[in-house]
């Protein structure tokens, strides 16, 4: 799937890839699978806080994907395990496997 932000950045990720999302109900940053991202959500990029303007899902069969796991303590909050991918804040492999 691709996620595009209002500051002109686009990242392509699998639907299970961990993403950083601002939850207005709890007024906190949270970790969520990319499949939960929607137009109008707030995320973070290399330029700061921004809105998602487009989300497109497509089959990822046969695609090569790269996942990184940061060398951080396991008890750090999932949304802080940030990896900047194509300018958009995504999350590392450990977060991806442990998002609740």
PDB file of N, CA and C in Angstrom:
ATOM      1  N   UNK A   1       0.839  -1.173   0.000  1.00  0.00           N
ATOM      2  CA  UNK A   1       0.000   0.000   0.000  1.00  0.00           C
ATOM      3  C   UNK A   1       0.885   1.237   0.000  1.00  0.00           C
ATOM      4  N   UNK A   2       0.315   2.329  -0.499  1.00  0.00           N
ATOM      5  CA  UNK A   2       1.046   3.592  -0.475  1.00  0.00           C
ATOM      6  C   UNK A   2       0.297   4.583   0.412  1.00  0.00           C
ATOM      7  N   UNK A   3       1.080   5.383   1.116  1.00  0.00           N
ATOM      8  CA  UNK A   3       0.537   6.418   1.988  1.00  0.00           C
ATOM      9  C   UNK A   3       1.193   7.727   1.569  1.00  0.00           C
ATOM     10  N   UNK A   4       0.356   8.722   1.262  1.00  0.00           N
ATOM     11  CA  UNK A   4       0.868  10.029   0.829  1.00  0.00           C
ATOM     12  C   UNK A   4       0.450  11.083   1.842  1.00  0.00           C
ATOM     13  N   UNK A   5       1.379  11.990   2.134  1.00  0.00           N
ATOM     14  CA  UNK A   5       1.119  13.053   3.100  1.00  0.00           C
ATOM     15  C   UNK A   5       0.968  14.393   2.398  1.00  0.00           C
ATOM     16  N   UNK A   6       0.383  15.355   3.113  1.00  0.00           N
ATOM     17  CA  UNK A   6       0.148  16.671   2.514  1.00  0.00           C
ATOM     18  C   UNK A   6       1.430  17.438   2.222  1.00  0.00           C
ATOM     19  N   UNK A   7       2.553  17.005   2.810  1.00  0.00           N
ATOM     20  CA  UNK A   7       3.819  17.670   2.499  1.00  0.00           C
ATOM     21  C   UNK A   7       4.530  17.020   1.316  1.00  0.00           C
ATOM     22  N   UNK A   8       3.788  16.191   0.547  1.00  0.00           N
ATOM     23  CA  UNK A   8       4.289  15.665  -0.717  1.00  0.00           C
ATOM     24  C   UNK A   8       5.116  14.396  -0.629  1.00  0.00           C
ATOM     25  N   UNK A   9       5.111  13.729   0.518  1.00  0.00           N
ATOM     26  CA  UNK A   9       5.894  12.502   0.680  1.00  0.00           C
ATOM     27  C   UNK A   9       5.006  11.276   0.493  1.00  0.00           C
ATOM     28  N   UNK A  10       5.591  10.203  -0.030  1.00  0.00           N
ATOM     29  CA  UNK A  10       4.867   8.953  -0.232  1.00  0.00           C
ATOM     30  C   UNK A  10       5.751   7.795   0.182  1.00  0.00           C
ATOM     31  N   UNK A  11       5.179   6.859   0.937  1.00  0.00           N
ATOM     32  CA  UNK A  11       5.893   5.652   1.322  1.00  0.00           C
ATOM     33  C   UNK A  11       5.058   4.449   0.900  1.00  0.00           C
ATOM     34  N   UNK A  12       5.738   3.392   0.478  1.00  0.00           N
ATOM     35  CA  UNK A  12       5.074   2.137   0.136  1.00  0.00           C
ATOM     36  C   UNK A  12       5.451   1.109   1.196  1.00  0.00           C
ATOM     37  N   UNK A  13       4.443   0.525   1.826  1.00  0.00           N
ATOM     38  CA  UNK A  13       4.641  -0.441   2.910  1.00  0.00           C
ATOM     39  C   UNK A  13       3.635  -1.578   2.771  1.00  0.00           C
ATOM     40  N   UNK A  14       3.885  -2.671   3.492  1.00  0.00           N
ATOM     41  CA  UNK A  14       2.889  -3.733   3.561  1.00  0.00           C
ATOM     42  C   UNK A  14       1.763  -3.289   4.491  1.00  0.00           C
ATOM     43  N   UNK A  15       0.623  -3.940   4.402  1.00  0.00           N
ATOM     44  CA  UNK A  15      -0.514  -3.525   5.232  1.00  0.00           C
ATOM     45  C   UNK A  15      -0.288  -3.780   6.721  1.00  0.00           C
ATOM     46  N   UNK A  16       0.670  -4.631   7.082  1.00  0.00           N
ATOM     47  CA  UNK A  16       0.977  -4.913   8.483  1.00  0.00           C
ATOM     48  C   UNK A  16       2.134  -4.071   9.021  1.00  0.00           C
ATOM     49  N   UNK A  17       2.745  -3.270   8.168  1.00  0.00           N
ATOM     50  CA  UNK A  17       3.896  -2.481   8.603  1.00  0.00           C
ATOM     51  C   UNK A  17       3.485  -1.491   9.686  1.00  0.00           C
ATOM     52  N   UNK A  18       4.305  -1.342  10.692  1.00  0.00           N
ATOM     53  CA  UNK A  18       4.012  -0.421  11.791  1.00  0.00           C
ATOM     54  C   UNK A  18       4.138   1.024  11.366  1.00  0.00           C
ATOM     55  N   UNK A  19       3.144   1.829  11.752  1.00  0.00           N
ATOM     56  CA  UNK A  19       3.124   3.246  11.411  1.00  0.00           C
ATOM     57  C   UNK A  19       2.871   4.070  12.662  1.00  0.00           C
ATOM     58  N   UNK A  20       3.347   5.308  12.634  1.00  0.00           N
ATOM     59  CA  UNK A  20       3.150   6.254  13.728  1.00  0.00           C
ATOM     60  C   UNK A  20       1.920   7.106  13.409  1.00  0.00           C
ATOM     61  N   UNK A  21       0.953   7.107  14.327  1.00  0.00           N
ATOM     62  CA  UNK A  21      -0.319   7.781  14.102  1.00  0.00           C
ATOM     63  C   UNK A  21      -0.702   8.573  15.345  1.00  0.00           C
ATOM     64  N   UNK A  22      -1.215   9.779  15.152  1.00  0.00           N
ATOM     65  CA  UNK A  22      -1.696  10.562  16.288  1.00  0.00           C
ATOM     66  C   UNK A  22      -3.157  10.219  16.510  1.00  0.00           C
ATOM     67  N   UNK A  23      -3.483   9.789  17.740  1.00  0.00           N
ATOM     68  CA  UNK A  23      -4.848   9.434  18.106  1.00  0.00           C
ATOM     69  C   UNK A  23      -5.496  10.618  18.833  1.00  0.00           C
ATOM     70  N   UNK A  24      -6.446  11.312  18.185  1.00  0.00           N
ATOM     71  CA  UNK A  24      -7.045  12.493  18.819  1.00  0.00           C
ATOM     72  C   UNK A  24      -7.901  12.149  20.042  1.00  0.00           C
ATOM     73  N   UNK A  25      -8.392  10.927  20.130  1.00  0.00           N
ATOM     74  CA  UNK A  25      -9.207  10.545  21.290  1.00  0.00           C
ATOM     75  C   UNK A  25      -8.376  10.472  22.567  1.00  0.00           C
ATOM     76  N   UNK A  26      -7.181   9.909  22.452  1.00  0.00           N
ATOM     77  CA  UNK A  26      -6.310   9.810  23.627  1.00  0.00           C
ATOM     78  C   UNK A  26      -5.304  10.961  23.689  1.00  0.00           C
ATOM     79  N   UNK A  27      -5.249  11.759  22.608  1.00  0.00           N
ATOM     80  CA  UNK A  27      -4.298  12.868  22.508  1.00  0.00           C
ATOM     81  C   UNK A  27      -2.858  12.385  22.639  1.00  0.00           C
ATOM     82  N   UNK A  28      -2.570  11.222  22.010  1.00  0.00           N
ATOM     83  CA  UNK A  28      -1.243  10.610  22.086  1.00  0.00           C
ATOM     84  C   UNK A  28      -0.845  10.032  20.737  1.00  0.00           C
ATOM     85  N   UNK A  29       0.466   9.863  20.568  1.00  0.00           N
ATOM     86  CA  UNK A  29       0.993   9.121  19.424  1.00  0.00           C
ATOM     87  C   UNK A  29       0.839   7.643  19.726  1.00  0.00           C
ATOM     88  N   UNK A  30       0.436   6.864  18.723  1.00  0.00           N
ATOM     89  CA  UNK A  30       0.277   5.423  18.886  1.00  0.00           C
ATOM     90  C   UNK A  30       0.936   4.701  17.718  1.00  0.00           C
ATOM     91  N   UNK A  31       1.128   3.404  17.898  1.00  0.00           N
ATOM     92  CA  UNK A  31       1.619   2.534  16.835  1.00  0.00           C
ATOM     93  C   UNK A  31       0.427   1.769  16.275  1.00  0.00           C
ATOM     94  N   UNK A  32       0.339   1.679  14.960  1.00  0.00           N
ATOM     95  CA  UNK A  32      -0.772   0.977  14.328  1.00  0.00           C
ATOM     96  C   UNK A  32      -0.297   0.335  13.030  1.00  0.00           C
ATOM     97  N   UNK A  33      -0.923  -0.768  12.601  1.00  0.00           N
ATOM     98  CA  UNK A  33      -0.589  -1.318  11.288  1.00  0.00           C
ATOM     99  C   UNK A  33      -0.996  -0.335  10.186  1.00  0.00           C
ATOM    100  N   UNK A  34      -0.258  -0.331   9.096  1.00  0.00           N
ATOM    101  CA  UNK A  34      -0.534   0.581   7.983  1.00  0.00           C
ATOM    102  C   UNK A  34      -1.959   0.434   7.465  1.00  0.00           C
ATOM    103  N   UNK A  35      -2.533  -0.763   7.553  1.00  0.00           N
ATOM    104  CA  UNK A  35      -3.897  -0.963   7.042  1.00  0.00           C
ATOM    105  C   UNK A  35      -4.921  -0.103   7.780  1.00  0.00           C
ATOM    106  N   UNK A  36      -4.580   0.427   8.950  1.00  0.00           N
ATOM    107  CA  UNK A  36      -5.490   1.285   9.712  1.00  0.00           C
ATOM    108  C   UNK A  36      -5.362   2.765   9.351  1.00  0.00           C
ATOM    109  N   UNK A  37      -4.383   3.114   8.533  1.00  0.00           N
ATOM    110  CA  UNK A  37      -4.168   4.514   8.169  1.00  0.00           C
ATOM    111  C   UNK A  37      -5.250   4.946   7.171  1.00  0.00           C
ATOM    112  N   UNK A  38      -5.766   6.166   7.381  1.00  0.00           N
ATOM    113  CA  UNK A  38      -6.826   6.688   6.524  1.00  0.00           C
ATOM    114  C   UNK A  38      -6.544   8.141   6.162  1.00  0.00           C
ATOM    115  N   UNK A  39      -7.103   8.565   5.055  1.00  0.00           N
ATOM    116  CA  UNK A  39      -7.041   9.970   4.670  1.00  0.00           C
ATOM    117  C   UNK A  39      -7.563  10.815   5.823  1.00  0.00           C
ATOM    118  N   UNK A  40      -6.829  11.880   6.146  1.00  0.00           N
ATOM    119  CA  UNK A  40      -7.212  12.770   7.230  1.00  0.00           C
ATOM    120  C   UNK A  40      -6.511  12.481   8.542  1.00  0.00           C
ATOM    121  N   UNK A  41      -5.920  11.261   8.673  1.00  0.00           N
ATOM    122  CA  UNK A  41      -5.157  10.953   9.885  1.00  0.00           C
ATOM    123  C   UNK A  41      -3.942  11.865   9.985  1.00  0.00           C
ATOM    124  N   UNK A  42      -3.445  12.004  11.201  1.00  0.00           N
ATOM    125  CA  UNK A  42      -2.234  12.786  11.449  1.00  0.00           C
ATOM    126  C   UNK A  42      -1.069  11.838  11.675  1.00  0.00           C
ATOM    127  N   UNK A  43       0.039  12.118  11.003  1.00  0.00           N
ATOM    128  CA  UNK A  43       1.258  11.330  11.176  1.00  0.00           C
ATOM    129  C   UNK A  43       2.441  12.295  11.257  1.00  0.00           C
ATOM    130  N   UNK A  44       3.633  11.746  11.260  1.00  0.00           N
ATOM    131  CA  UNK A  44       4.830  12.576  11.347  1.00  0.00           C
ATOM    132  C   UNK A  44       5.767  12.226  10.194  1.00  0.00           C
ATOM    133  N   UNK A  45       6.398  13.277   9.654  1.00  0.00           N
ATOM    134  CA  UNK A  45       7.372  13.101   8.590  1.00  0.00           C
ATOM    135  C   UNK A  45       8.645  13.851   8.956  1.00  0.00           C
ATOM    136  N   UNK A  46       9.609  13.830   8.058  1.00  0.00           N
ATOM    137  CA  UNK A  46      10.872  14.530   8.298  1.00  0.00           C
ATOM    138  C   UNK A  46      10.670  16.031   8.431  1.00  0.00           C
ATOM    139  N   UNK A  47       9.529  16.551   7.963  1.00  0.00           N
ATOM    140  CA  UNK A  47       9.265  17.980   8.072  1.00  0.00           C
ATOM    141  C   UNK A  47       8.378  18.333   9.265  1.00  0.00           C
ATOM    142  N   UNK A  48       7.885  17.320   9.992  1.00  0.00           N
ATOM    143  CA  UNK A  48       7.044  17.573  11.162  1.00  0.00           C
ATOM    144  C   UNK A  48       5.707  16.864  11.080  1.00  0.00           C
ATOM    145  N   UNK A  49       4.761  17.355  11.855  1.00  0.00           N
ATOM    146  CA  UNK A  49       3.422  16.766  11.915  1.00  0.00           C
ATOM    147  C   UNK A  49       2.657  17.139  10.654  1.00  0.00           C
ATOM    148  N   UNK A  50       1.961  16.166  10.057  1.00  0.00           N
ATOM    149  CA  UNK A  50       1.259  16.396   8.793  1.00  0.00           C
ATOM    150  C   UNK A  50       0.046  15.475   8.682  1.00  0.00           C
ATOM    151  N   UNK A  51      -0.785  15.761   7.699  1.00  0.00           N
ATOM    152  CA  UNK A  51      -1.985  14.970   7.440  1.00  0.00           C
ATOM    153  C   UNK A  51      -1.743  13.993   6.300  1.00  0.00           C
ATOM    154  N   UNK A  52      -2.431  12.865   6.372  1.00  0.00           N
ATOM    155  CA  UNK A  52      -2.418  11.907   5.271  1.00  0.00           C
ATOM    156  C   UNK A  52      -3.482  12.344   4.277  1.00  0.00           C
ATOM    157  N   UNK A  53      -3.087  12.445   3.003  1.00  0.00           N
ATOM    158  CA  UNK A  53      -4.049  12.887   1.993  1.00  0.00           C
ATOM    159  C   UNK A  53      -4.492  11.752   1.074  1.00  0.00           C
ATOM    160  N   UNK A  54      -3.765  10.612   1.089  1.00  0.00           N
ATOM    161  CA  UNK A  54      -4.167   9.506   0.222  1.00  0.00           C
ATOM    162  C   UNK A  54      -3.586   8.201   0.747  1.00  0.00           C
ATOM    163  N   UNK A  55      -4.406   7.156   0.702  1.00  0.00           N
ATOM    164  CA  UNK A  55      -3.976   5.803   1.060  1.00  0.00           C
ATOM    165  C   UNK A  55      -4.503   4.876  -0.031  1.00  0.00           C
ATOM    166  N   UNK A  56      -3.609   4.098  -0.632  1.00  0.00           N
ATOM    167  CA  UNK A  56      -4.016   3.160  -1.684  1.00  0.00           C
ATOM    168  C   UNK A  56      -3.496   1.765  -1.332  1.00  0.00           C
ATOM    169  N   UNK A  57      -4.387   0.809  -1.334  1.00  0.00           N
ATOM    170  CA  UNK A  57      -4.001  -0.583  -1.081  1.00  0.00           C
ATOM    171  C   UNK A  57      -3.838  -1.304  -2.417  1.00  0.00           C
ATOM    172  N   UNK A  58      -2.874  -2.206  -2.462  1.00  0.00           N
ATOM    173  CA  UNK A  58      -2.683  -3.034  -3.647  1.00  0.00           C
ATOM    174  C   UNK A  58      -1.972  -4.312  -3.209  1.00  0.00           C
ATOM    175  N   UNK A  59      -2.106  -5.389  -3.957  1.00  0.00           N
ATOM    176  CA  UNK A  59      -1.439  -6.649  -3.582  1.00  0.00           C
ATOM    177  C   UNK A  59       0.081  -6.479  -3.575  1.00  0.00           C
ATOM    178  N   UNK A  60       0.728  -7.070  -2.570  1.00  0.00           N
ATOM    179  CA  UNK A  60       2.181  -6.931  -2.435  1.00  0.00           C
ATOM    180  C   UNK A  60       2.913  -8.223  -2.770  1.00  0.00           C
ATOM    181  N   UNK A  61       2.273  -9.118  -3.435  1.00  0.00           N
ATOM    182  CA  UNK A  61       2.919 -10.385  -3.780  1.00  0.00           C
ATOM    183  C   UNK A  61       4.133 -10.156  -4.676  1.00  0.00           C
ATOM    184  N   UNK A  62       5.222 -10.823  -4.333  1.00  0.00           N
ATOM    185  CA  UNK A  62       6.421 -10.748  -5.138  1.00  0.00           C
ATOM    186  C   UNK A  62       7.269  -9.500  -4.919  1.00  0.00           C
ATOM    187  N   UNK A  63       6.881  -8.637  -4.009  1.00  0.00           N
ATOM    188  CA  UNK A  63       7.624  -7.417  -3.738  1.00  0.00           C
ATOM    189  C   UNK A  63       8.739  -7.684  -2.733  1.00  0.00           C
ATOM    190  N   UNK A  64       9.863  -7.056  -2.904  1.00  0.00           N
ATOM    191  CA  UNK A  64      10.944  -7.123  -1.926  1.00  0.00           C
ATOM    192  C   UNK A  64      10.683  -6.040  -0.887  1.00  0.00           C
ATOM    193  N   UNK A  65      10.726  -6.430   0.379  1.00  0.00           N
ATOM    194  CA  UNK A  65      10.531  -5.450   1.450  1.00  0.00           C
ATOM    195  C   UNK A  65      11.756  -5.454   2.352  1.00  0.00           C
ATOM    196  N   UNK A  66      12.000  -4.321   2.977  1.00  0.00           N
ATOM    197  CA  UNK A  66      13.115  -4.176   3.898  1.00  0.00           C
ATOM    198  C   UNK A  66      12.563  -3.793   5.261  1.00  0.00           C
ATOM    199  N   UNK A  67      12.983  -4.521   6.288  1.00  0.00           N
ATOM    200  CA  UNK A  67      12.582  -4.215   7.656  1.00  0.00           C
ATOM    201  C   UNK A  67      13.834  -4.069   8.505  1.00  0.00           C
ATOM    202  N   UNK A  68      13.826  -3.067   9.357  1.00  0.00           N
ATOM    203  CA  UNK A  68      14.941  -2.827  10.266  1.00  0.00           C
ATOM    204  C   UNK A  68      14.448  -2.973  11.692  1.00  0.00           C
ATOM    205  N   UNK A  69      15.280  -3.552  12.547  1.00  0.00           N
ATOM    206  CA  UNK A  69      14.959  -3.591  13.968  1.00  0.00           C
ATOM    207  C   UNK A  69      16.007  -2.764  14.698  1.00  0.00           C
ATOM    208  N   UNK A  70      15.536  -1.735  15.397  1.00  0.00           N
ATOM    209  CA  UNK A  70      16.436  -0.851  16.124  1.00  0.00           C
ATOM    210  C   UNK A  70      16.963  -1.535  17.380  1.00  0.00           C
ATOM    211  N   UNK A  71      18.187  -1.196  17.755  1.00  0.00           N
ATOM    212  CA  UNK A  71      18.799  -1.743  18.970  1.00  0.00           C
ATOM    213  C   UNK A  71      18.371  -0.875  20.153  1.00  0.00           C
ATOM    214  N   UNK A  72      17.134  -1.081  20.581  1.00  0.00           N
ATOM    215  CA  UNK A  72      16.542  -0.323  21.683  1.00  0.00           C
ATOM    216  C   UNK A  72      16.026  -1.292  22.743  1.00  0.00           C
ATOM    217  N   UNK A  73      15.873  -0.829  23.971  1.00  0.00           N
ATOM    218  CA  UNK A  73      15.279  -1.686  24.999  1.00  0.00           C
ATOM    219  C   UNK A  73      13.881  -2.134  24.557  1.00  0.00           C
ATOM    220  N   UNK A  74      13.523  -3.360  24.892  1.00  0.00           N
ATOM    221  CA  UNK A  74      12.230  -3.914  24.471  1.00  0.00           C
ATOM    222  C   UNK A  74      11.046  -3.215  25.135  1.00  0.00           C
ATOM    223  N   UNK A  75      11.275  -2.509  26.241  1.00  0.00           N
ATOM    224  CA  UNK A  75      10.161  -1.881  26.951  1.00  0.00           C
ATOM    225  C   UNK A  75       9.871  -0.440  26.501  1.00  0.00           C
ATOM    226  N   UNK A  76      10.585   0.029  25.479  1.00  0.00           N
ATOM    227  CA  UNK A  76      10.312   1.377  24.970  1.00  0.00           C
ATOM    228  C   UNK A  76       8.947   1.374  24.275  1.00  0.00           C
ATOM    229  N   UNK A  77       8.217   2.481  24.387  1.00  0.00           N
ATOM    230  CA  UNK A  77       6.904   2.555  23.753  1.00  0.00           C
ATOM    231  C   UNK A  77       7.034   2.306  22.245  1.00  0.00           C
ATOM    232  N   UNK A  78       6.092   1.535  21.703  1.00  0.00           N
ATOM    233  CA  UNK A  78       6.168   1.122  20.305  1.00  0.00           C
ATOM    234  C   UNK A  78       6.250   2.312  19.351  1.00  0.00           C
ATOM    235  N   UNK A  79       5.507   3.386  19.605  1.00  0.00           N
ATOM    236  CA  UNK A  79       5.497   4.517  18.669  1.00  0.00           C
ATOM    237  C   UNK A  79       6.815   5.294  18.667  1.00  0.00           C
ATOM    238  N   UNK A  80       7.710   4.976  19.591  1.00  0.00           N
ATOM    239  CA  UNK A  80       9.013   5.639  19.630  1.00  0.00           C
ATOM    240  C   UNK A  80      10.089   4.869  18.863  1.00  0.00           C
ATOM    241  N   UNK A  81       9.752   3.709  18.325  1.00  0.00           N
ATOM    242  CA  UNK A  81      10.699   2.884  17.570  1.00  0.00           C
ATOM    243  C   UNK A  81      10.675   3.324  16.098  1.00  0.00           C
ATOM    244  N   UNK A  82      10.974   4.596  15.873  1.00  0.00           N
ATOM    245  CA  UNK A  82      10.781   5.248  14.578  1.00  0.00           C
ATOM    246  C   UNK A  82      11.923   4.997  13.595  1.00  0.00           C
ATOM    247  N   UNK A  83      11.533   4.650  12.384  1.00  0.00           N
ATOM    248  CA  UNK A  83      12.435   4.541  11.244  1.00  0.00           C
ATOM    249  C   UNK A  83      11.852   5.449  10.165  1.00  0.00           C
ATOM    250  N   UNK A  84      12.637   6.388   9.653  1.00  0.00           N
ATOM    251  CA  UNK A  84      12.149   7.284   8.610  1.00  0.00           C
ATOM    252  C   UNK A  84      12.338   6.596   7.258  1.00  0.00           C
ATOM    253  N   UNK A  85      11.222   6.360   6.590  1.00  0.00           N
ATOM    254  CA  UNK A  85      11.219   5.683   5.286  1.00  0.00           C
ATOM    255  C   UNK A  85      10.629   6.623   4.253  1.00  0.00           C
ATOM    256  N   UNK A  86      11.408   6.967   3.257  1.00  0.00           N
ATOM    257  CA  UNK A  86      10.969   7.916   2.222  1.00  0.00           C
ATOM    258  C   UNK A  86      10.418   9.202   2.840  1.00  0.00           C
ATOM    259  N   UNK A  87      10.987   9.594   3.992  1.00  0.00           N
ATOM    260  CA  UNK A  87      10.618  10.844   4.643  1.00  0.00           C
ATOM    261  C   UNK A  87       9.463  10.733   5.623  1.00  0.00           C
ATOM    262  N   UNK A  88       8.807   9.575   5.692  1.00  0.00           N
ATOM    263  CA  UNK A  88       7.655   9.382   6.576  1.00  0.00           C
ATOM    264  C   UNK A  88       8.069   8.487   7.749  1.00  0.00           C
ATOM    265  N   UNK A  89       7.621   8.838   8.949  1.00  0.00           N
ATOM    266  CA  UNK A  89       7.958   8.065  10.148  1.00  0.00           C
ATOM    267  C   UNK A  89       7.158   6.764  10.188  1.00  0.00           C
ATOM    268  N   UNK A  90       7.885   5.665   9.981  1.00  0.00           N
ATOM    269  CA  UNK A  90       7.310   4.336  10.121  1.00  0.00           C
ATOM    270  C   UNK A  90       7.927   3.737  11.380  1.00  0.00           C
ATOM    271  N   UNK A  91       7.628   2.479  11.659  1.00  0.00           N
ATOM    272  CA  UNK A  91       8.157   1.837  12.859  1.00  0.00           C
ATOM    273  C   UNK A  91       9.008   0.635  12.499  1.00  0.00           C
ATOM    274  N   UNK A  92       9.838   0.205  13.450  1.00  0.00           N
ATOM    275  CA  UNK A  92      10.766  -0.896  13.171  1.00  0.00           C
ATOM    276  C   UNK A  92      10.072  -2.264  13.223  1.00  0.00           C
ATOM    277  N   UNK A  93      10.832  -3.304  12.895  1.00  0.00           N
ATOM    278  CA  UNK A  93      10.308  -4.660  12.833  1.00  0.00           C
ATOM    279  C   UNK A  93       9.790  -5.148  14.179  1.00  0.00           C
ATOM    280  N   UNK A  94      10.458  -4.786  15.276  1.00  0.00           N
ATOM    281  CA  UNK A  94       9.999  -5.199  16.597  1.00  0.00           C
ATOM    282  C   UNK A  94       8.612  -4.614  16.868  1.00  0.00           C
ATOM    283  N   UNK A  95       8.414  -3.347  16.564  1.00  0.00           N
ATOM    284  CA  UNK A  95       7.098  -2.718  16.755  1.00  0.00           C
ATOM    285  C   UNK A  95       6.056  -3.408  15.884  1.00  0.00           C
ATOM    286  N   UNK A  96       6.424  -3.677  14.639  1.00  0.00           N
ATOM    287  CA  UNK A  96       5.493  -4.320  13.700  1.00  0.00           C
ATOM    288  C   UNK A  96       4.978  -5.648  14.262  1.00  0.00           C
ATOM    289  N   UNK A  97       5.847  -6.407  14.901  1.00  0.00           N
ATOM    290  CA  UNK A  97       5.456  -7.698  15.456  1.00  0.00           C
ATOM    291  C   UNK A  97       4.785  -7.632  16.814  1.00  0.00           C
ATOM    292  N   UNK A  98       4.770  -6.445  17.429  1.00  0.00           N
ATOM    293  CA  UNK A  98       4.236  -6.324  18.781  1.00  0.00           C
ATOM    294  C   UNK A  98       3.174  -5.253  18.960  1.00  0.00           C
ATOM    295  N   UNK A  99       2.628  -4.737  17.861  1.00  0.00           N
ATOM    296  CA  UNK A  99       1.553  -3.744  17.953  1.00  0.00           C
ATOM    297  C   UNK A  99       0.307  -4.450  18.489  1.00  0.00           C
ATOM    298  N   UNK A 100      -0.306  -3.800  19.460  1.00  0.00           N
ATOM    299  CA  UNK A 100      -1.518  -4.396  20.056  1.00  0.00           C
ATOM    300  C   UNK A 100      -2.761  -3.766  19.493  1.00  0.00           C
TER     301      UNK A 100
END
